[in-house]
Amino acid sequence: MIRYKLIATNVTELSNPDLFSVPGTIMVYIAPGASKGHVAVSLGSFARQNGNYNPNSQSNLIVQQTKNYVVNQLQQRYGIAGLGGTSSMTGRDKLYINSNYLGQDMNLGNNTYSGPYNSIFRVEAASPTFGVCVNNSVSGLSGMNVKYVLRPVQGGSTAAAPTIGDVKVTELTSKGYRVTATFSAPAGVKSVKMPTWTEKNGQDDLIWHEASISGNTATFYVPVSSHNNESGTYNTHVYVYDVLGRETLKGVTVTVPAVSETPKILNIKTEDLTAKGYRVTVTFSAPAGVKEVQMPTWTAKNDQDDIVWHIASISGNTATFYVPVSSHNNESGVYYTHVYVYDVNGAYALEGITVRVPAVAEAPVIKKIETSNVTTAGYTVKVTFSAQLGVKEVKMPTWTEKNGQDDIVWHVANISGNTATAYIPTSAHNNEVGNYITHVYVVDKKNNEAVEAVYVTVK
């Protein structure tokens, strides 16, 4: 059997919303100076749904989004369907949000703003003219005021007491930790508190922290600065209070690590240095745990106009990043790279290096090819070249026109300074006479190459 208890008289949802937030609460509306009125039943409290809309310029979208949310929730909670759209009896929305109670930040147009948001929605049993209306107005039909508020009581107690589900600890460092709890409060949640203290010296540092609530989740970050900056064992109890003053409790124990050493950079080296860039590799120690390694880099030219904060890749206690000149205006010359190693507590170590990036060198250039000593026994090919990166080798593949490249041989030339010479014997090419083709390849130490051809007639 459900009984009702009179809990208030002559109040409104705005003056004391906790009195109206329990679903099933009866509101008796009577016009001032009258002896009759009508009854409404609370459907509970529903938060305004802003989404990503701006209340100053998109209030109509917030209203529509809130309507959709309430309609959906009423169907899920109570099985009430068909509240969307317009009533065929009244010609008004079946679920009505009063423009006077949208929230003081809601612009109604022409810089006219609404009053406070009323989160209590109720269903009113009205006359045949008005039908049944669901709305969030503070006053009833025809301006009637709440005369009596009666809350449902079942078996001598109100609807189900609050319960706590999961309690999780995250973001644990020497600076503190976050506690997140899920709960159920059918009568409506009033507050969630998380009293916390350390085991050291009993409860000398006890603080009743007030958690932030979002839906059925409450969270609070416990800073060690509020508890004498102590490490070791912390106790946090989670208390969930409903609007009827009932509570439930669940506790969690957390071990907060001591403040560890700050990060240290052990070694920095550069590798793969070319005109295209260079690689920076750093080894470090981060006893508290590494969070990230950044390598801001810029060139000496025009100061820090080209600074880029490169994020290094981390593997164990090593971090690396390849600095491409394409990220720095393709400049050569002096580069500065600073290395920041951050730990999970926000502490960091910093060191810098200076790197000289060479200018882009030209590929090898063949300046002249000469042939001499042409006889039936063979001929000599001499090439003059330049190779700014240094010459690696000079090859002279040769074949005769007869039968294509069936007799191709890659002759290796002798290098002396900026010249190279090779003797091409006809004995290496079936002792054939006629037209010979020799290609000259000059290859530098970066495997850049230059190629030209020479044609010789052997008689």
Protein backbone atom coordinates (compact mmCIF):
# COMPACT_ATOMS: atom_id res chain seq x y z
CA MET A 1 0.00 0.00 0.00
CA ILE A 2 1.25 3.45 -0.88
CA ARG A 3 0.61 6.21 1.62
CA TYR A 4 1.37 9.89 1.33
CA LYS A 5 2.91 12.26 3.84
CA LEU A 6 2.35 16.01 3.86
CA ILE A 7 5.85 17.51 3.70
CA ALA A 8 5.27 21.18 2.81
CA THR A 9 2.68 23.86 2.23
CA ASN A 10 2.65 27.01 0.13
CA VAL A 11 5.98 26.44 -1.66
CA THR A 12 7.12 26.30 -5.29
CA GLU A 13 9.49 24.09 -7.22
CA LEU A 14 11.91 26.99 -7.53
CA SER A 15 11.88 27.89 -3.84
CA ASN A 16 12.67 24.33 -2.73
CA PRO A 17 13.13 21.89 -5.63
CA ASP A 18 14.20 19.01 -3.34
CA LEU A 19 10.61 18.78 -2.08
CA PHE A 20 9.34 18.05 -5.60
CA SER A 21 12.12 15.93 -7.09
CA VAL A 22 10.82 12.53 -5.92
CA PRO A 23 8.71 11.02 -8.72
CA GLY A 24 5.12 10.47 -7.60
CA THR A 25 5.02 13.49 -5.33
CA ILE A 26 1.54 15.04 -5.39
CA MET A 27 1.09 18.79 -5.76
CA VAL A 28 -2.29 20.24 -4.84
CA TYR A 29 -2.86 23.56 -6.64
CA ILE A 30 -5.46 26.02 -5.32
CA ALA A 31 -6.07 29.51 -6.64
CA PRO A 32 -5.50 32.36 -4.14
CA GLY A 33 -8.62 32.90 -2.02
CA ALA A 34 -10.34 29.87 -3.53
CA SER A 35 -11.30 26.51 -2.07
CA LYS A 36 -10.84 24.36 -5.14
CA GLY A 37 -8.16 23.69 -7.74
CA HIS A 38 -6.47 20.72 -9.36
CA VAL A 39 -3.79 18.06 -8.75
CA ALA A 40 -0.43 17.52 -10.44
CA VAL A 41 2.05 14.66 -10.03
CA SER A 42 5.83 15.14 -10.16
CA LEU A 43 7.67 13.13 -12.77
CA GLY A 44 11.07 14.00 -11.29
CA SER A 45 13.90 16.40 -12.05
CA PHE A 46 15.44 16.73 -15.52
CA ALA A 47 18.52 18.81 -16.29
CA ARG A 48 18.49 21.26 -19.18
CA GLN A 49 20.29 19.81 -22.21
CA ASN A 50 22.62 22.44 -23.66
CA GLY A 51 24.67 20.17 -25.88
CA ASN A 52 26.99 22.34 -27.96
CA TYR A 53 24.45 25.14 -28.38
CA ASN A 54 24.89 28.72 -27.19
CA PRO A 55 22.08 29.81 -24.80
CA ASN A 56 22.50 33.42 -25.89
CA SER A 57 21.92 32.77 -29.58
CA GLN A 58 20.46 29.26 -29.88
CA SER A 59 17.96 29.05 -27.01
CA ASN A 60 15.29 27.53 -29.28
CA LEU A 61 17.60 24.62 -30.10
CA ILE A 62 18.36 24.03 -26.41
CA VAL A 63 14.62 23.98 -25.64
CA GLN A 64 13.96 21.45 -28.39
CA GLN A 65 16.90 19.28 -27.30
CA THR A 66 15.67 19.37 -23.68
CA LYS A 67 12.14 18.44 -24.77
CA ASN A 68 13.45 15.45 -26.73
CA TYR A 69 15.51 14.37 -23.73
CA VAL A 70 12.59 14.60 -21.26
CA VAL A 71 10.21 12.81 -23.64
CA ASN A 72 12.74 9.99 -24.09
CA GLN A 73 13.42 9.72 -20.34
CA LEU A 74 9.70 9.61 -19.46
CA GLN A 75 9.17 6.80 -21.92
CA GLN A 76 12.16 4.84 -20.55
CA ARG A 77 11.31 5.40 -16.86
CA TYR A 78 7.54 5.15 -16.86
CA GLY A 79 6.54 3.78 -20.25
CA ILE A 80 4.76 7.04 -21.11
CA ALA A 81 4.74 7.21 -24.89
CA GLY A 82 3.47 9.76 -27.36
CA LEU A 83 4.46 12.93 -25.50
CA GLY A 84 6.21 14.38 -28.54
CA GLY A 85 4.40 16.70 -30.90
CA THR A 86 1.18 18.69 -30.46
CA SER A 87 -2.00 17.82 -28.57
CA SER A 88 -5.04 17.48 -30.83
CA MET A 89 -7.19 18.75 -27.95
CA THR A 90 -5.28 21.87 -26.96
CA GLY A 91 -3.24 22.62 -30.07
CA ARG A 92 -0.17 23.03 -27.82
CA ASP A 93 2.90 20.87 -27.30
CA LYS A 94 2.08 17.79 -25.26
CA LEU A 95 5.25 18.50 -23.26
CA TYR A 96 5.50 22.20 -22.56
CA ILE A 97 8.57 24.10 -21.34
CA ASN A 98 7.63 27.49 -19.91
CA SER A 99 9.72 30.31 -21.39
CA ASN A 100 9.81 31.95 -17.95
CA TYR A 101 11.85 29.08 -16.51
CA LEU A 102 14.57 28.27 -19.04
CA GLY A 103 17.57 29.66 -17.13
CA GLN A 104 18.79 33.20 -16.71
CA ASP A 105 21.43 32.80 -19.46
CA MET A 106 18.76 31.97 -22.06
CA ASN A 107 18.10 34.84 -24.47
CA LEU A 108 14.43 34.84 -25.53
CA GLY A 109 15.06 37.42 -28.25
CA ASN A 110 15.64 41.18 -28.30
CA ASN A 111 18.05 40.67 -25.38
CA THR A 112 15.22 39.57 -23.10
CA TYR A 113 16.33 36.77 -20.77
CA SER A 114 14.41 34.02 -19.00
CA GLY A 115 14.21 33.43 -15.27
CA PRO A 116 15.89 30.52 -13.39
CA TYR A 117 15.59 27.03 -14.87
CA ASN A 118 12.92 24.88 -13.26
CA SER A 119 14.05 21.27 -13.54
CA ILE A 120 10.84 19.75 -12.10
CA PHE A 121 8.41 18.37 -14.68
CA ARG A 122 4.89 17.35 -13.72
CA VAL A 123 1.79 15.93 -15.29
CA GLU A 124 -1.41 17.86 -14.59
CA ALA A 125 -4.91 16.47 -14.63
CA ALA A 126 -6.84 19.41 -16.06
CA SER A 127 -10.28 20.10 -17.49
CA PRO A 128 -11.56 18.70 -20.78
CA THR A 129 -10.67 22.05 -22.32
CA PHE A 130 -6.99 21.77 -21.49
CA GLY A 131 -6.58 18.01 -21.46
CA VAL A 132 -3.56 16.46 -19.73
CA CYS A 133 -0.41 18.59 -19.79
CA VAL A 134 3.23 17.84 -18.94
CA ASN A 135 5.21 20.98 -18.13
CA ASN A 136 7.79 22.67 -15.92
CA SER A 137 5.78 25.74 -14.89
CA VAL A 138 6.08 26.91 -11.29
CA SER A 139 2.39 27.78 -11.06
CA GLY A 140 -0.51 25.58 -12.11
CA LEU A 141 -3.21 26.32 -14.63
CA SER A 142 -4.75 29.79 -14.33
CA GLY A 143 -1.94 30.87 -11.99
CA MET A 144 -2.82 28.48 -9.18
CA ASN A 145 -0.19 28.04 -6.45
CA VAL A 146 0.97 24.89 -4.67
CA LYS A 147 -1.02 24.63 -1.45
CA TYR A 148 0.06 21.15 -0.36
CA VAL A 149 2.99 18.86 -1.25
CA LEU A 150 2.53 15.16 -0.43
CA ARG A 151 5.32 12.64 -0.86
CA PRO A 152 4.65 8.92 -1.42
CA VAL A 153 5.53 6.57 1.46
CA GLN A 154 5.65 2.83 0.86
CA GLY A 155 5.62 0.37 3.77
CA GLY A 156 6.49 3.11 6.21
CA SER A 157 9.48 4.35 4.23
CA THR A 158 9.97 6.32 1.05
CA ALA A 159 11.11 5.00 -2.32
CA ALA A 160 14.30 2.93 -2.52
CA ALA A 161 17.33 4.19 -0.61
CA PRO A 162 20.50 5.20 -2.51
CA THR A 163 23.10 2.60 -3.39
CA ILE A 164 26.72 2.85 -4.61
CA GLY A 165 28.00 0.84 -7.56
CA ASP A 166 31.63 1.03 -8.68
CA VAL A 167 34.25 3.17 -6.96
CA LYS A 168 37.34 3.70 -9.12
CA VAL A 169 40.68 5.41 -8.49
CA THR A 170 42.50 7.06 -11.41
CA GLU A 171 45.21 9.70 -12.04
CA LEU A 172 47.24 8.36 -9.10
CA THR A 173 50.56 10.21 -8.63
CA SER A 174 52.53 11.61 -5.71
CA LYS A 175 50.34 14.72 -6.07
CA GLY A 176 47.03 12.97 -5.43
CA TYR A 177 44.35 10.84 -7.06
CA ARG A 178 40.82 10.98 -8.49
CA VAL A 179 37.89 9.03 -7.02
CA THR A 180 34.89 8.34 -9.27
CA ALA A 181 31.75 6.61 -7.98
CA THR A 182 28.56 5.50 -9.72
CA PHE A 183 25.37 5.39 -7.69
CA SER A 184 21.61 5.06 -7.75
CA ALA A 185 19.33 7.47 -5.88
CA PRO A 186 15.71 6.85 -6.95
CA ALA A 187 14.40 9.61 -4.69
CA GLY A 188 16.93 12.06 -6.15
CA VAL A 189 20.50 12.75 -5.10
CA LYS A 190 21.19 15.68 -2.80
CA SER A 191 24.97 15.50 -2.43
CA VAL A 192 27.98 13.19 -2.53
CA LYS A 193 30.80 13.67 -0.07
CA MET A 194 34.18 11.96 0.05
CA PRO A 195 35.77 12.34 3.50
CA THR A 196 39.47 11.53 3.23
CA TRP A 197 42.34 11.10 5.69
CA THR A 198 45.75 9.42 5.89
CA GLU A 199 46.60 6.57 8.22
CA LYS A 200 49.45 8.61 9.62
CA ASN A 201 48.36 10.25 12.92
CA GLY A 202 44.82 8.94 12.69
CA GLN A 203 42.26 11.39 11.32
CA ASP A 204 44.23 14.54 12.12
CA ASP A 205 43.95 15.58 8.45
CA LEU A 206 40.33 14.52 7.83
CA ILE A 207 38.55 16.64 5.19
CA TRP A 208 34.99 16.13 3.95
CA HIS A 209 35.48 16.78 0.25
CA GLU A 210 32.38 17.71 -1.78
CA ALA A 211 32.22 15.69 -5.02
CA SER A 212 30.99 16.96 -8.39
CA ILE A 213 27.87 15.16 -9.64
CA SER A 214 26.92 14.43 -13.25
CA GLY A 215 23.94 12.14 -13.72
CA ASN A 216 24.60 9.03 -11.65
CA THR A 217 28.34 9.66 -11.36
CA ALA A 218 30.28 11.63 -8.75
CA THR A 219 33.96 12.53 -8.84
CA PHE A 220 36.58 14.37 -6.81
CA TYR A 221 40.34 14.82 -7.13
CA VAL A 222 42.03 14.36 -3.74
CA PRO A 223 45.18 16.53 -3.59
CA VAL A 224 47.89 15.56 -1.11
CA SER A 225 48.34 19.30 -0.52
CA SER A 226 45.09 19.12 1.50
CA HIS A 227 46.51 16.34 3.66
CA ASN A 228 49.89 17.62 4.86
CA ASN A 229 51.49 16.50 1.57
CA GLU A 230 51.77 13.02 3.04
CA SER A 231 52.41 9.85 1.06
CA GLY A 232 51.40 6.34 2.01
CA THR A 233 47.93 4.98 2.82
CA TYR A 234 44.91 7.21 2.23
CA ASN A 235 41.32 6.34 3.17
CA THR A 236 38.44 7.83 1.17
CA HIS A 237 34.83 7.10 2.06
CA VAL A 238 32.06 7.85 -0.40
CA TYR A 239 28.76 9.02 1.07
CA VAL A 240 25.74 9.41 -1.23
CA TYR A 241 22.83 11.39 0.28
CA ASP A 242 19.39 11.46 -1.28
CA VAL A 243 16.88 14.29 -1.00
CA LEU A 244 15.17 12.48 1.88
CA GLY A 245 18.32 12.63 3.97
CA ARG A 246 19.20 8.97 3.62
CA GLU A 247 22.76 7.91 2.95
CA THR A 248 24.87 5.00 1.78
CA LEU A 249 28.60 4.43 2.23
CA LYS A 250 31.44 2.67 0.47
CA GLY A 251 35.16 3.07 1.19
CA VAL A 252 38.38 2.77 -0.77
CA THR A 253 42.02 2.60 0.32
CA VAL A 254 44.73 4.17 -1.83
CA THR A 255 48.51 4.06 -1.56
CA VAL A 256 49.96 7.38 -2.66
CA PRO A 257 53.61 7.13 -3.77
CA ALA A 258 56.24 9.35 -2.23
CA VAL A 259 57.59 12.25 -4.26
CA SER A 260 60.30 10.71 -6.41
CA GLU A 261 63.37 12.19 -8.02
CA THR A 262 62.85 14.54 -10.90
CA PRO A 263 63.74 13.39 -14.43
CA LYS A 264 67.38 13.43 -15.55
CA ILE A 265 68.80 13.51 -19.07
CA LEU A 266 71.66 11.03 -19.28
CA ASN A 267 72.84 11.41 -22.87
CA ILE A 268 71.95 13.18 -26.12
CA LYS A 269 73.36 12.23 -29.50
CA THR A 270 72.72 13.17 -33.11
CA GLU A 271 72.73 10.74 -36.02
CA ASP A 272 71.85 10.57 -39.73
CA LEU A 273 73.02 14.16 -40.32
CA THR A 274 72.55 15.25 -43.93
CA ALA A 275 71.33 18.29 -45.78
CA LYS A 276 67.81 16.87 -45.25
CA GLY A 277 67.91 16.83 -41.44
CA TYR A 278 69.16 14.87 -38.46
CA ARG A 279 68.00 12.49 -35.73
CA VAL A 280 68.15 13.33 -32.04
CA THR A 281 68.18 10.44 -29.53
CA VAL A 282 68.10 10.99 -25.76
CA THR A 283 68.41 8.55 -22.88
CA PHE A 284 66.90 9.61 -19.57
CA SER A 285 65.68 8.51 -16.17
CA ALA A 286 62.20 9.36 -14.87
CA PRO A 287 61.59 7.51 -11.58
CA ALA A 288 58.00 8.77 -11.32
CA GLY A 289 57.28 7.65 -14.89
CA VAL A 290 57.74 9.56 -18.13
CA LYS A 291 54.77 11.46 -19.56
CA GLU A 292 56.26 12.87 -22.77
CA VAL A 293 59.45 14.13 -24.39
CA GLN A 294 59.41 17.28 -26.49
CA MET A 295 62.19 18.57 -28.73
CA PRO A 296 61.58 22.21 -29.70
CA THR A 297 63.86 23.12 -32.61
CA TRP A 298 64.71 26.29 -34.52
CA THR A 299 67.50 27.70 -36.69
CA ALA A 300 69.92 30.51 -35.87
CA LYS A 301 68.67 32.37 -38.94
CA ASN A 302 65.93 34.87 -38.03
CA ASP A 303 65.91 33.70 -34.40
CA GLN A 304 62.90 31.52 -33.48
CA ASP A 305 60.68 32.36 -36.44
CA ASP A 306 60.65 28.67 -37.40
CA ILE A 307 60.40 27.06 -33.95
CA VAL A 308 58.48 23.77 -33.88
CA TRP A 309 57.79 21.75 -30.70
CA HIS A 310 58.46 18.27 -32.00
CA ILE A 311 57.02 15.34 -29.98
CA ALA A 312 59.54 12.50 -29.67
CA SER A 313 58.76 8.78 -29.79
CA ILE A 314 59.47 7.04 -26.49
CA SER A 315 60.67 3.47 -25.97
CA GLY A 316 61.68 2.58 -22.42
CA ASN A 317 64.16 5.20 -21.23
CA THR A 318 64.99 6.38 -24.77
CA ALA A 319 63.28 9.00 -26.91
CA THR A 320 64.01 9.89 -30.52
CA PHE A 321 62.89 12.30 -33.23
CA TYR A 322 64.08 13.02 -36.76
CA VAL A 323 64.27 16.78 -37.36
CA PRO A 324 63.52 17.45 -41.04
CA VAL A 325 64.76 20.71 -42.56
CA SER A 326 61.45 20.81 -44.45
CA SER A 327 59.82 21.83 -41.13
CA HIS A 328 62.27 24.72 -40.80
CA ASN A 329 62.11 26.57 -44.11
CA ASN A 330 64.60 24.10 -45.64
CA GLU A 331 67.40 26.13 -44.08
CA SER A 332 70.97 24.94 -43.62
CA GLY A 333 73.45 26.12 -41.01
CA VAL A 334 73.11 26.18 -37.23
CA TYR A 335 70.11 24.41 -35.64
CA TYR A 336 69.19 24.45 -31.94
CA THR A 337 67.27 21.54 -30.39
CA HIS A 338 66.20 21.58 -26.75
CA VAL A 339 65.14 18.34 -25.11
CA TYR A 340 62.40 18.43 -22.43
CA VAL A 341 61.69 15.21 -20.51
CA TYR A 342 58.43 15.48 -18.50
CA ASP A 343 57.38 13.02 -15.82
CA VAL A 344 53.82 12.21 -14.74
CA ASN A 345 54.09 14.71 -11.87
CA GLY A 346 54.83 17.60 -14.22
CA ALA A 347 58.53 17.85 -13.31
CA TYR A 348 60.97 18.05 -16.20
CA ALA A 349 64.63 17.98 -17.21
CA LEU A 350 66.05 20.20 -19.96
CA GLU A 351 69.19 20.17 -22.05
CA GLY A 352 70.05 21.62 -25.45
CA ILE A 353 72.29 20.78 -28.39
CA THR A 354 73.57 22.68 -31.42
CA VAL A 355 73.75 21.00 -34.82
CA ARG A 356 75.25 22.34 -38.05
CA VAL A 357 73.22 21.14 -41.03
CA PRO A 358 75.17 21.16 -44.31
CA ALA A 359 73.83 22.91 -47.39
CA VAL A 360 72.40 20.77 -50.16
CA ALA A 361 75.34 19.65 -52.29
CA GLU A 362 75.20 19.34 -56.08
CA ALA A 363 75.19 15.92 -57.66
CA PRO A 364 78.35 14.91 -59.58
CA VAL A 365 78.96 16.73 -62.84
CA ILE A 366 80.82 15.28 -65.84
CA LYS A 367 82.78 18.11 -67.37
CA LYS A 368 84.65 16.41 -70.25
CA ILE A 369 85.17 12.96 -71.83
CA GLU A 370 88.19 12.27 -74.02
CA THR A 371 89.16 9.16 -76.02
CA SER A 372 92.69 8.34 -77.18
CA ASN A 373 94.97 5.52 -78.31
CA VAL A 374 92.28 4.08 -80.57
CA THR A 375 93.59 0.89 -82.30
CA THR A 376 92.27 -2.52 -83.22
CA ALA A 377 93.42 -3.57 -79.75
CA GLY A 378 91.22 -1.04 -77.93
CA TYR A 379 91.07 2.58 -76.71
CA THR A 380 91.43 4.79 -73.65
CA VAL A 381 88.59 6.82 -72.09
CA LYS A 382 89.37 9.70 -69.73
CA VAL A 383 86.70 11.68 -67.85
CA THR A 384 87.04 14.94 -65.95
CA PHE A 385 84.34 15.55 -63.27
CA SER A 386 83.37 17.32 -60.06
CA ALA A 387 81.82 15.57 -57.00
CA GLN A 388 81.19 17.89 -54.04
CA LEU A 389 80.36 15.01 -51.70
CA GLY A 390 83.43 13.05 -52.77
CA VAL A 391 83.72 10.46 -55.50
CA LYS A 392 82.91 6.85 -54.65
CA GLU A 393 83.63 5.17 -57.99
CA VAL A 394 83.67 5.62 -61.75
CA LYS A 395 82.46 2.86 -64.02
CA MET A 396 82.47 2.62 -67.83
CA PRO A 397 80.09 -0.07 -69.10
CA THR A 398 80.93 -0.79 -72.76
CA TRP A 399 79.45 -2.87 -75.58
CA THR A 400 79.51 -3.02 -79.37
CA GLU A 401 76.63 -2.20 -81.69
CA LYS A 402 76.84 -5.72 -83.11
CA ASN A 403 74.31 -8.04 -81.48
CA GLY A 404 73.14 -5.43 -78.96
CA GLN A 405 74.59 -5.70 -75.46
CA ASP A 406 75.63 -9.36 -75.72
CA ASP A 407 79.21 -8.32 -74.89
CA ILE A 408 78.62 -5.63 -72.24
CA VAL A 409 81.37 -5.30 -69.63
CA TRP A 410 81.36 -2.86 -66.67
CA HIS A 411 84.93 -1.58 -66.71
CA VAL A 412 86.10 0.10 -63.47
CA ALA A 413 88.13 3.26 -64.07
CA ASN A 414 91.22 4.37 -62.16
CA ILE A 415 90.57 7.64 -60.26
CA SER A 416 93.13 10.38 -59.75
CA GLY A 417 91.83 13.60 -58.25
CA ASN A 418 88.98 14.82 -60.44
CA THR A 419 89.82 12.54 -63.39
CA ALA A 420 89.26 8.84 -64.08
CA THR A 421 90.74 6.66 -66.83
CA ALA A 422 89.99 3.19 -68.20
CA TYR A 423 91.43 1.23 -71.11
CA ILE A 424 88.78 -0.63 -73.13
CA PRO A 425 90.39 -3.71 -74.75
CA THR A 426 88.62 -5.20 -77.76
CA SER A 427 89.64 -8.63 -76.42
CA ALA A 428 86.93 -8.13 -73.76
CA HIS A 429 84.37 -7.66 -76.51
CA ASN A 430 84.85 -10.61 -78.85
CA ASN A 431 87.70 -8.73 -80.62
CA GLU A 432 85.05 -7.04 -82.68
CA VAL A 433 85.68 -3.98 -84.86
CA GLY A 434 83.13 -1.27 -85.62
CA ASN A 435 81.16 1.02 -83.38
CA TYR A 436 81.73 0.81 -79.58
CA ILE A 437 79.49 2.50 -77.00
CA THR A 438 80.90 3.49 -73.61
CA HIS A 439 78.76 5.01 -70.84
CA VAL A 440 80.55 6.86 -68.06
CA TYR A 441 79.03 6.70 -64.53
CA VAL A 442 80.48 9.00 -61.86
CA VAL A 443 79.05 8.04 -58.43
CA ASP A 444 79.57 10.16 -55.30
CA LYS A 445 79.65 9.00 -51.67
CA LYS A 446 75.90 9.55 -51.28
CA ASN A 447 75.25 7.42 -54.38
CA ASN A 448 74.28 10.41 -56.49
CA GLU A 449 75.47 9.86 -60.03
CA ALA A 450 76.14 11.53 -63.34
CA VAL A 451 76.00 9.65 -66.66
CA GLU A 452 77.17 10.49 -70.16
CA ALA A 453 78.02 8.43 -73.25
CA VAL A 454 80.82 8.37 -75.79
CA TYR A 455 80.96 6.56 -79.16
CA VAL A 456 84.17 5.16 -80.62
CA THR A 457 84.81 3.45 -83.98
CA VAL A 458 87.44 0.71 -83.85
CA LYS A 459 88.92 -0.28 -87.26
